[in-house]
Amino acid sequence: MAQFNLSQTFASLKHPNFRLWFSGQVVSLIGTWMQATAQGYLVYELTASPVMLGVVGFANGIPVWLFSLYAGIIADKISRRKLIMITQGSMMVLAFVLAALTFTGVIQAWHVVIMALLLGTANAFDAPARQSFVVELVPREDLTNAIALNSTVFNLGTIIGPTVAGLVYAWLGPAWCFTINGISFVAVLIALSLMRLAHRPPAAVEEGSVRSRITVGVKYAFADQNIRVLMIMLATTAMFGFGLLSLMPAWATHVLGGDVRTNGLLLSARGLGSLIAALMIASIGGRIVRGKLWTLGGLVLPVALITLSLFRVLPVSLLVLVVIGWSLMAVVNLTNALVQTHIPDELRGRVMAVYILLFQGSSPIGSLIAGWLAEATSEAITVFTFACVIMIVAVTIQLKQPSIRRYN
């Protein structure tokens, strides 16, 4: 039986480079979630349309489908630190542009869609490099812990960012949320510049076209039956789980009768559950229960979503979103850790690009479907329908591939 181990939970923080990465990401991701929360509520204020919420989410994901596999090749070929600094700097500029449009009062919904498209492009190149970069910050024996703590940083942002965004939005307006996000990127850029990294030998020159090199990464990602199952569940969770998060402004306002602060509380509750899951995964240290925990997350998620659709009061919504956040992170984080455990370094960028493509590329499609279905029926029916899809996939996996529970 795995037990909570405080020293194991934070093992990766003994490495100076990872400490710099961790601290920079904490600041930056709080800003990122402030912008995401304010942006969603701003679009809903401008349009009162769940469909537009889905359109913004979809626009953010289009570049992932177009560029992430190519970005994986770049992440395997050049300095990942340099690539991350370029993409993070681009995101900083975009945040300040969005703030300027909002401060001047000219902001319209189509502006947000265009900015989401540009931000998605930067993220498509950033994400494979960022996921692969962790292996350069810690020795391999601490890799699973580092991945879990990396997710912990992300989830700290999802707890603090939306709550702060709700308060700042109500007090000062959305433009200040975007401005704070722009400033927050300075922390991660400084952290990256201060790192002292071991020399990374240049990637071997591979024969064949870009397409053939991408194909090598894709084939490797799906050659193993267990990894293929992990990827299928990842895509399902992203599309029908994370895709629902775009409806939170409509859920807060239309279903619960709240406002922007309610929206922030809902997103923060989800973040709290994800943080609990990330810390739990970091603390187990050994690999003996990872497959079982991944299985549990996939089965608990649809049950929690069904509960959310049936009880439309704030306290229940907050409690259930904690469970939803835990389930989402159990699937996503453990998929990341299990996949990274079984891939060679020379293919890491490309295989993780497949991971990013399925994770960040499926979520916007889910957002678009969720927005359309919510406007055609209701938010509650949409949540219930998505939950049923996840349940079918999760149960099918357990029946067809029971060995996944022992995959570590």
Protein backbone atom coordinates (compact mmCIF):
# COMPACT_ATOMS: atom_id res chain seq x y z
CA MET A 1 0.00 0.00 0.00
CA ALA A 2 1.44 3.40 -1.01
CA GLN A 3 1.76 5.89 1.81
CA PHE A 4 2.20 9.65 1.83
CA ASN A 5 5.93 10.48 1.88
CA LEU A 6 6.73 14.17 2.28
CA SER A 7 10.36 13.90 1.17
CA GLN A 8 9.36 11.85 -1.88
CA THR A 9 6.55 14.24 -2.75
CA PHE A 10 8.99 17.13 -3.25
CA ALA A 11 12.06 15.10 -4.27
CA SER A 12 12.62 17.00 -7.53
CA LEU A 13 12.95 20.33 -5.73
CA LYS A 14 16.42 19.34 -4.50
CA HIS A 15 17.65 20.00 -8.04
CA PRO A 16 18.43 23.74 -8.59
CA ASN A 17 17.25 23.87 -12.20
CA PHE A 18 13.91 22.34 -11.31
CA ARG A 19 13.50 24.78 -8.41
CA LEU A 20 13.94 27.67 -10.84
CA TRP A 21 11.47 26.10 -13.26
CA PHE A 22 8.96 25.44 -10.49
CA SER A 23 9.07 28.98 -9.09
CA GLY A 24 8.86 30.65 -12.49
CA GLN A 25 5.95 28.47 -13.57
CA VAL A 26 4.00 29.15 -10.36
CA VAL A 27 3.92 32.88 -11.11
CA SER A 28 3.36 32.51 -14.84
CA LEU A 29 0.55 29.96 -14.63
CA ILE A 30 -1.39 32.01 -12.11
CA GLY A 31 -1.36 34.79 -14.69
CA THR A 32 -2.28 32.39 -17.48
CA TRP A 33 -5.35 31.18 -15.61
CA MET A 34 -6.31 34.73 -14.74
CA GLN A 35 -6.36 35.52 -18.45
CA ALA A 36 -8.21 32.32 -19.42
CA THR A 37 -10.90 32.95 -16.80
CA ALA A 38 -11.34 36.63 -17.65
CA GLN A 39 -11.33 35.92 -21.38
CA GLY A 40 -14.12 33.34 -21.12
CA TYR A 41 -16.32 35.55 -18.99
CA LEU A 42 -15.64 38.58 -21.22
CA VAL A 43 -16.77 36.65 -24.30
CA TYR A 44 -19.92 35.54 -22.48
CA GLU A 45 -20.62 39.13 -21.42
CA LEU A 46 -20.13 40.35 -25.00
CA THR A 47 -22.27 37.64 -26.65
CA ALA A 48 -24.30 35.73 -24.00
CA SER A 49 -23.68 32.71 -26.26
CA PRO A 50 -22.38 29.28 -25.18
CA VAL A 51 -21.52 28.69 -28.84
CA MET A 52 -19.05 31.60 -28.80
CA LEU A 53 -17.40 30.12 -25.73
CA GLY A 54 -16.90 26.96 -27.75
CA VAL A 55 -15.64 28.89 -30.78
CA VAL A 56 -12.94 30.61 -28.70
CA GLY A 57 -11.84 27.27 -27.27
CA PHE A 58 -11.82 25.74 -30.75
CA ALA A 59 -9.77 28.63 -32.18
CA ASN A 60 -7.21 28.08 -29.46
CA GLY A 61 -6.89 24.43 -30.45
CA ILE A 62 -6.71 24.66 -34.26
CA PRO A 63 -2.93 25.39 -34.25
CA VAL A 64 -2.33 22.31 -32.10
CA TRP A 65 -3.64 20.14 -34.94
CA LEU A 66 -1.67 22.10 -37.54
CA PHE A 67 1.71 22.51 -35.86
CA SER A 68 2.27 20.33 -32.78
CA LEU A 69 3.74 17.31 -34.61
CA TYR A 70 6.18 19.59 -36.46
CA ALA A 71 6.93 21.30 -33.15
CA GLY A 72 7.90 17.91 -31.75
CA ILE A 73 10.65 17.61 -34.40
CA ILE A 74 11.91 21.08 -33.51
CA ALA A 75 11.91 20.21 -29.79
CA ASP A 76 14.09 17.17 -30.55
CA LYS A 77 16.45 19.18 -32.76
CA ILE A 78 17.21 22.54 -31.09
CA SER A 79 17.66 23.88 -27.57
CA ARG A 80 14.37 23.36 -25.74
CA ARG A 81 15.19 26.23 -23.38
CA LYS A 82 15.62 28.62 -26.31
CA LEU A 83 12.39 27.44 -27.93
CA ILE A 84 10.45 27.88 -24.67
CA MET A 85 11.84 31.40 -24.19
CA ILE A 86 10.67 32.34 -27.69
CA THR A 87 7.18 30.94 -27.22
CA GLN A 88 6.75 32.37 -23.72
CA GLY A 89 7.88 35.79 -24.95
CA SER A 90 5.31 35.59 -27.75
CA MET A 91 2.56 34.79 -25.26
CA MET A 92 3.60 37.77 -23.16
CA VAL A 93 3.23 40.11 -26.14
CA LEU A 94 -0.21 38.67 -26.98
CA ALA A 95 -1.38 39.21 -23.40
CA PHE A 96 -0.39 42.88 -23.55
CA VAL A 97 -2.12 43.32 -26.93
CA LEU A 98 -5.34 41.83 -25.52
CA ALA A 99 -5.04 44.15 -22.51
CA ALA A 100 -4.59 47.17 -24.78
CA LEU A 101 -7.68 46.28 -26.85
CA THR A 102 -9.71 45.95 -23.65
CA PHE A 103 -8.36 49.10 -21.98
CA THR A 104 -9.26 51.17 -25.06
CA GLY A 105 -12.80 49.77 -25.14
CA VAL A 106 -12.59 48.47 -28.72
CA ILE A 107 -12.54 44.78 -27.78
CA GLN A 108 -15.03 42.57 -29.61
CA ALA A 109 -15.65 38.84 -29.59
CA TRP A 110 -13.86 38.34 -32.93
CA HIS A 111 -10.75 40.01 -31.48
CA VAL A 112 -10.71 37.38 -28.74
CA VAL A 113 -11.08 34.60 -31.32
CA ILE A 114 -8.09 35.91 -33.31
CA MET A 115 -6.01 36.28 -30.16
CA ALA A 116 -6.95 32.74 -29.11
CA LEU A 117 -5.79 31.50 -32.53
CA LEU A 118 -2.42 33.27 -32.16
CA LEU A 119 -2.01 32.12 -28.57
CA GLY A 120 -2.79 28.57 -29.64
CA THR A 121 -0.05 28.80 -32.29
CA ALA A 122 2.52 29.83 -29.69
CA ASN A 123 1.31 27.08 -27.37
CA ALA A 124 1.53 24.45 -30.13
CA PHE A 125 5.29 25.02 -30.30
CA ASP A 126 5.68 25.60 -26.56
CA ALA A 127 3.94 22.50 -25.19
CA PRO A 128 6.08 19.68 -26.70
CA ALA A 129 9.25 21.53 -25.73
CA ARG A 130 7.94 22.21 -22.21
CA GLN A 131 6.87 18.59 -21.66
CA SER A 132 10.21 17.28 -22.98
CA PHE A 133 12.25 19.89 -21.09
CA VAL A 134 11.51 18.35 -17.68
CA VAL A 135 13.85 15.43 -18.42
CA GLU A 136 16.74 17.93 -18.70
CA LEU A 137 16.07 19.32 -15.21
CA VAL A 138 16.17 16.13 -13.10
CA PRO A 139 17.81 12.69 -13.28
CA ARG A 140 15.68 9.90 -14.66
CA GLU A 141 14.95 8.40 -11.22
CA ASP A 142 13.10 11.61 -10.28
CA LEU A 143 11.29 12.00 -13.63
CA THR A 144 7.87 10.74 -12.49
CA ASN A 145 8.04 12.97 -9.43
CA ALA A 146 9.07 15.96 -11.56
CA ILE A 147 6.17 15.38 -13.97
CA ALA A 148 3.76 15.22 -11.03
CA LEU A 149 5.18 18.40 -9.46
CA ASN A 150 5.04 20.06 -12.87
CA SER A 151 1.33 19.29 -12.86
CA THR A 152 1.14 20.58 -9.28
CA VAL A 153 2.39 23.95 -10.52
CA PHE A 154 -0.25 23.94 -13.23
CA ASN A 155 -2.96 23.16 -10.72
CA LEU A 156 -1.79 25.79 -8.25
CA GLY A 157 -2.46 28.17 -11.12
CA THR A 158 -5.93 26.72 -11.66
CA ILE A 159 -6.78 27.27 -7.97
CA ILE A 160 -5.34 30.74 -7.43
CA GLY A 161 -5.70 32.22 -10.92
CA PRO A 162 -9.49 31.93 -11.43
CA THR A 163 -10.30 33.14 -7.92
CA VAL A 164 -8.01 36.16 -8.24
CA ALA A 165 -9.33 36.78 -11.76
CA GLY A 166 -12.91 36.85 -10.46
CA LEU A 167 -11.99 39.44 -7.84
CA VAL A 168 -9.84 41.58 -10.16
CA TYR A 169 -12.44 41.37 -12.95
CA ALA A 170 -15.22 42.53 -10.60
CA TRP A 171 -13.04 45.28 -9.08
CA LEU A 172 -10.90 46.60 -11.98
CA GLY A 173 -12.17 44.88 -15.13
CA PRO A 174 -10.77 42.22 -17.49
CA ALA A 175 -7.98 44.36 -18.94
CA TRP A 176 -6.07 44.20 -15.66
CA CYS A 177 -6.30 40.39 -15.68
CA PHE A 178 -4.64 40.37 -19.10
CA THR A 179 -2.01 42.88 -17.96
CA ILE A 180 -1.09 40.84 -14.90
CA ASN A 181 -0.73 37.78 -17.10
CA GLY A 182 1.65 39.63 -19.41
CA ILE A 183 3.81 40.70 -16.48
CA SER A 184 3.81 37.15 -15.05
CA PHE A 185 5.78 35.80 -18.03
CA VAL A 186 8.81 37.77 -16.83
CA ALA A 187 9.20 35.25 -13.98
CA VAL A 188 9.56 32.21 -16.22
CA LEU A 189 11.88 34.04 -18.64
CA ILE A 190 14.18 34.99 -15.76
CA ALA A 191 14.07 31.43 -14.38
CA LEU A 192 15.02 29.96 -17.76
CA SER A 193 17.91 32.40 -18.19
CA LEU A 194 19.37 31.51 -14.76
CA MET A 195 19.46 27.73 -15.33
CA ARG A 196 22.78 25.93 -15.67
CA LEU A 197 22.00 23.01 -17.92
CA ALA A 198 24.22 20.09 -18.82
CA HIS A 199 25.37 20.08 -22.42
CA ARG A 200 22.81 18.40 -24.62
CA PRO A 201 24.50 16.69 -27.58
CA PRO A 202 23.12 17.74 -30.95
CA ALA A 203 20.44 15.47 -32.33
CA ALA A 204 21.62 12.94 -34.86
CA VAL A 205 20.82 13.82 -38.44
CA GLU A 206 17.96 11.60 -39.51
CA GLU A 207 17.37 10.52 -43.07
CA GLY A 208 14.02 11.05 -44.73
CA SER A 209 11.50 13.83 -45.01
CA VAL A 210 9.88 15.77 -42.20
CA ARG A 211 6.75 13.69 -42.73
CA SER A 212 8.66 10.42 -42.36
CA ARG A 213 10.28 11.63 -39.12
CA ILE A 214 6.87 12.59 -37.77
CA THR A 215 5.59 9.16 -38.75
CA VAL A 216 8.33 7.51 -36.70
CA GLY A 217 7.14 9.34 -33.58
CA VAL A 218 3.46 8.59 -34.25
CA LYS A 219 4.12 4.90 -34.92
CA TYR A 220 6.16 4.60 -31.74
CA ALA A 221 3.39 6.24 -29.72
CA PHE A 222 0.82 3.68 -30.91
CA ALA A 223 2.96 0.56 -31.34
CA ASP A 224 2.53 -0.57 -27.74
CA GLN A 225 -1.01 -1.72 -26.95
CA ASN A 226 -1.00 -0.23 -23.46
CA ILE A 227 0.28 3.15 -24.64
CA ARG A 228 -2.38 3.11 -27.36
CA VAL A 229 -5.08 2.60 -24.70
CA LEU A 230 -3.61 5.44 -22.62
CA MET A 231 -3.75 7.75 -25.63
CA ILE A 232 -7.36 6.80 -26.46
CA MET A 233 -8.49 7.57 -22.91
CA LEU A 234 -6.45 10.79 -22.92
CA ALA A 235 -8.21 11.99 -26.07
CA THR A 236 -11.62 11.03 -24.67
CA THR A 237 -10.94 12.80 -21.37
CA ALA A 238 -9.69 15.90 -23.14
CA MET A 239 -12.63 16.13 -25.55
CA PHE A 240 -15.50 15.24 -23.24
CA GLY A 241 -14.00 16.23 -19.88
CA PHE A 242 -11.82 19.29 -20.40
CA GLY A 243 -14.05 20.35 -23.29
CA LEU A 244 -16.83 21.02 -20.78
CA LEU A 245 -14.75 23.59 -18.88
CA SER A 246 -15.50 26.18 -21.57
CA LEU A 247 -19.12 26.12 -20.33
CA MET A 248 -18.21 27.26 -16.82
CA PRO A 249 -19.16 30.93 -17.43
CA ALA A 250 -22.58 29.80 -18.68
CA TRP A 251 -22.92 27.30 -15.80
CA ALA A 252 -22.05 29.99 -13.23
CA THR A 253 -24.46 32.54 -14.70
CA HIS A 254 -27.32 30.63 -16.31
CA VAL A 255 -27.49 27.47 -14.19
CA LEU A 256 -26.37 28.75 -10.77
CA GLY A 257 -27.50 32.38 -11.11
CA GLY A 258 -24.07 33.71 -10.12
CA ASP A 259 -21.52 36.09 -11.64
CA VAL A 260 -17.84 36.30 -12.55
CA ARG A 261 -16.82 35.47 -8.96
CA THR A 262 -18.94 32.30 -9.07
CA ASN A 263 -17.17 31.35 -12.29
CA GLY A 264 -13.80 31.81 -10.58
CA LEU A 265 -14.86 29.65 -7.62
CA LEU A 266 -16.00 26.83 -9.92
CA LEU A 267 -12.71 26.78 -11.82
CA SER A 268 -10.73 27.00 -8.59
CA ALA A 269 -12.64 24.03 -7.13
CA ARG A 270 -11.67 21.99 -10.17
CA GLY A 271 -8.09 23.16 -9.70
CA LEU A 272 -8.10 22.09 -6.04
CA GLY A 273 -9.10 18.56 -7.01
CA SER A 274 -6.38 18.45 -9.66
CA LEU A 275 -3.80 19.68 -7.15
CA ILE A 276 -4.77 16.92 -4.71
CA ALA A 277 -4.32 14.35 -7.49
CA ALA A 278 -0.94 15.76 -8.54
CA LEU A 279 0.38 15.70 -4.97
CA MET A 280 -0.95 12.17 -4.49
CA ILE A 281 0.85 10.98 -7.62
CA ALA A 282 4.06 12.74 -6.58
CA SER A 283 3.93 11.19 -3.11
CA ILE A 284 3.52 7.54 -4.13
CA GLY A 285 7.03 7.59 -5.56
CA GLY A 286 7.06 3.96 -6.69
CA ARG A 287 5.25 2.71 -9.73
CA ILE A 288 3.24 -0.10 -8.21
CA VAL A 289 -0.15 1.64 -8.16
CA ARG A 290 -0.01 3.94 -11.18
CA GLY A 291 -2.11 1.78 -13.50
CA LYS A 292 -4.74 1.24 -10.81
CA LEU A 293 -4.93 4.95 -10.01
CA TRP A 294 -5.24 5.80 -13.72
CA THR A 295 -8.11 3.30 -14.01
CA LEU A 296 -9.87 4.76 -10.98
CA GLY A 297 -9.64 8.28 -12.39
CA GLY A 298 -11.22 7.23 -15.68
CA LEU A 299 -14.16 5.54 -13.95
CA VAL A 300 -14.79 8.22 -11.31
CA LEU A 301 -14.86 11.09 -13.84
CA PRO A 302 -18.16 10.22 -15.61
CA VAL A 303 -19.89 9.49 -12.30
CA ALA A 304 -18.88 12.92 -11.01
CA LEU A 305 -20.04 14.62 -14.21
CA ILE A 306 -23.45 12.93 -14.00
CA THR A 307 -23.74 14.17 -10.41
CA LEU A 308 -22.88 17.70 -11.55
CA SER A 309 -25.63 17.59 -14.15
CA LEU A 310 -28.28 16.51 -11.64
CA PHE A 311 -27.62 18.86 -8.67
CA ARG A 312 -27.64 22.52 -9.72
CA VAL A 313 -26.71 24.31 -6.51
CA LEU A 314 -23.38 26.00 -5.80
CA PRO A 315 -22.12 23.95 -2.80
CA VAL A 316 -22.74 20.65 -4.60
CA SER A 317 -21.21 22.02 -7.82
CA LEU A 318 -18.07 23.08 -5.95
CA LEU A 319 -17.68 19.73 -4.20
CA VAL A 320 -18.28 17.72 -7.37
CA LEU A 321 -15.83 19.88 -9.33
CA VAL A 322 -13.14 18.99 -6.80
CA VAL A 323 -13.78 15.32 -7.63
CA ILE A 324 -13.85 16.09 -11.37
CA GLY A 325 -10.53 17.92 -11.07
CA TRP A 326 -9.01 14.95 -9.24
CA SER A 327 -10.22 12.53 -11.92
CA LEU A 328 -9.05 14.66 -14.84
CA MET A 329 -5.57 14.98 -13.39
CA ALA A 330 -5.35 11.30 -12.46
CA VAL A 331 -5.89 10.40 -16.12
CA VAL A 332 -3.83 13.16 -17.73
CA ASN A 333 -0.88 13.23 -15.34
CA LEU A 334 -0.49 9.47 -15.12
CA THR A 335 -0.77 9.14 -18.90
CA ASN A 336 2.09 11.63 -19.17
CA ALA A 337 4.22 9.81 -16.58
CA LEU A 338 3.56 6.33 -17.98
CA VAL A 339 4.27 7.38 -21.57
CA GLN A 340 7.46 9.29 -20.67
CA THR A 341 8.71 6.27 -18.72
CA HIS A 342 8.62 4.12 -21.85
CA ILE A 343 10.02 6.39 -24.59
CA PRO A 344 13.67 6.99 -25.64
CA ASP A 345 15.11 10.49 -25.37
CA GLU A 346 15.73 10.84 -29.11
CA LEU A 347 11.97 10.45 -29.76
CA ARG A 348 10.74 12.26 -26.65
CA GLY A 349 9.75 15.50 -28.38
CA ARG A 350 7.86 13.74 -31.16
CA VAL A 351 6.03 11.28 -28.94
CA MET A 352 5.10 14.04 -26.50
CA ALA A 353 3.88 16.05 -29.49
CA VAL A 354 1.40 13.22 -30.12
CA TYR A 355 0.40 13.48 -26.45
CA ILE A 356 -0.09 17.25 -26.82
CA LEU A 357 -1.98 16.80 -30.09
CA LEU A 358 -4.47 14.41 -28.50
CA PHE A 359 -4.74 16.35 -25.23
CA GLN A 360 -4.80 19.97 -26.35
CA GLY A 361 -6.21 19.22 -29.80
CA SER A 362 -9.20 17.19 -28.61
CA SER A 363 -10.27 19.64 -25.91
CA PRO A 364 -11.19 22.47 -28.33
CA ILE A 365 -13.29 20.07 -30.40
CA GLY A 366 -15.10 19.14 -27.21
CA SER A 367 -15.56 22.84 -26.41
CA LEU A 368 -17.14 23.46 -29.81
CA ILE A 369 -19.49 20.47 -29.47
CA ALA A 370 -20.33 21.45 -25.88
CA GLY A 371 -21.20 25.03 -26.88
CA TRP A 372 -23.40 23.91 -29.75
CA LEU A 373 -25.17 21.21 -27.71
CA ALA A 374 -25.70 23.52 -24.71
CA GLU A 375 -27.32 26.16 -26.90
CA ALA A 376 -29.48 23.56 -28.66
CA THR A 377 -30.54 21.81 -25.43
CA SER A 378 -29.11 22.93 -22.07
CA GLU A 379 -25.86 22.96 -20.13
CA ALA A 380 -27.06 20.12 -17.86
CA ILE A 381 -27.99 17.85 -20.77
CA THR A 382 -24.60 18.54 -22.35
CA VAL A 383 -22.73 17.55 -19.18
CA PHE A 384 -24.82 14.37 -18.83
CA THR A 385 -24.25 13.40 -22.48
CA PHE A 386 -20.50 13.93 -22.29
CA ALA A 387 -20.37 11.88 -19.08
CA CYS A 388 -22.07 8.94 -20.81
CA VAL A 389 -19.50 9.00 -23.62
CA ILE A 390 -16.61 8.92 -21.14
CA MET A 391 -18.27 6.09 -19.21
CA ILE A 392 -18.66 3.98 -22.35
CA VAL A 393 -14.99 4.41 -23.31
CA ALA A 394 -13.69 3.81 -19.76
CA VAL A 395 -15.75 0.63 -19.25
CA THR A 396 -14.83 -0.68 -22.72
CA ILE A 397 -11.13 -0.23 -21.93
CA GLN A 398 -11.50 -2.16 -18.68
CA LEU A 399 -13.30 -5.00 -20.44
CA LYS A 400 -11.01 -5.17 -23.50
CA GLN A 401 -7.67 -4.31 -21.86
CA PRO A 402 -7.74 -5.27 -18.15
CA SER A 403 -3.93 -5.46 -18.13
CA ILE A 404 -3.85 -1.64 -18.12
CA ARG A 405 -4.48 -1.79 -14.37
CA ARG A 406 -1.06 -3.44 -13.95
CA TYR A 407 0.77 -1.14 -16.37
CA ASN A 408 3.47 0.72 -14.49
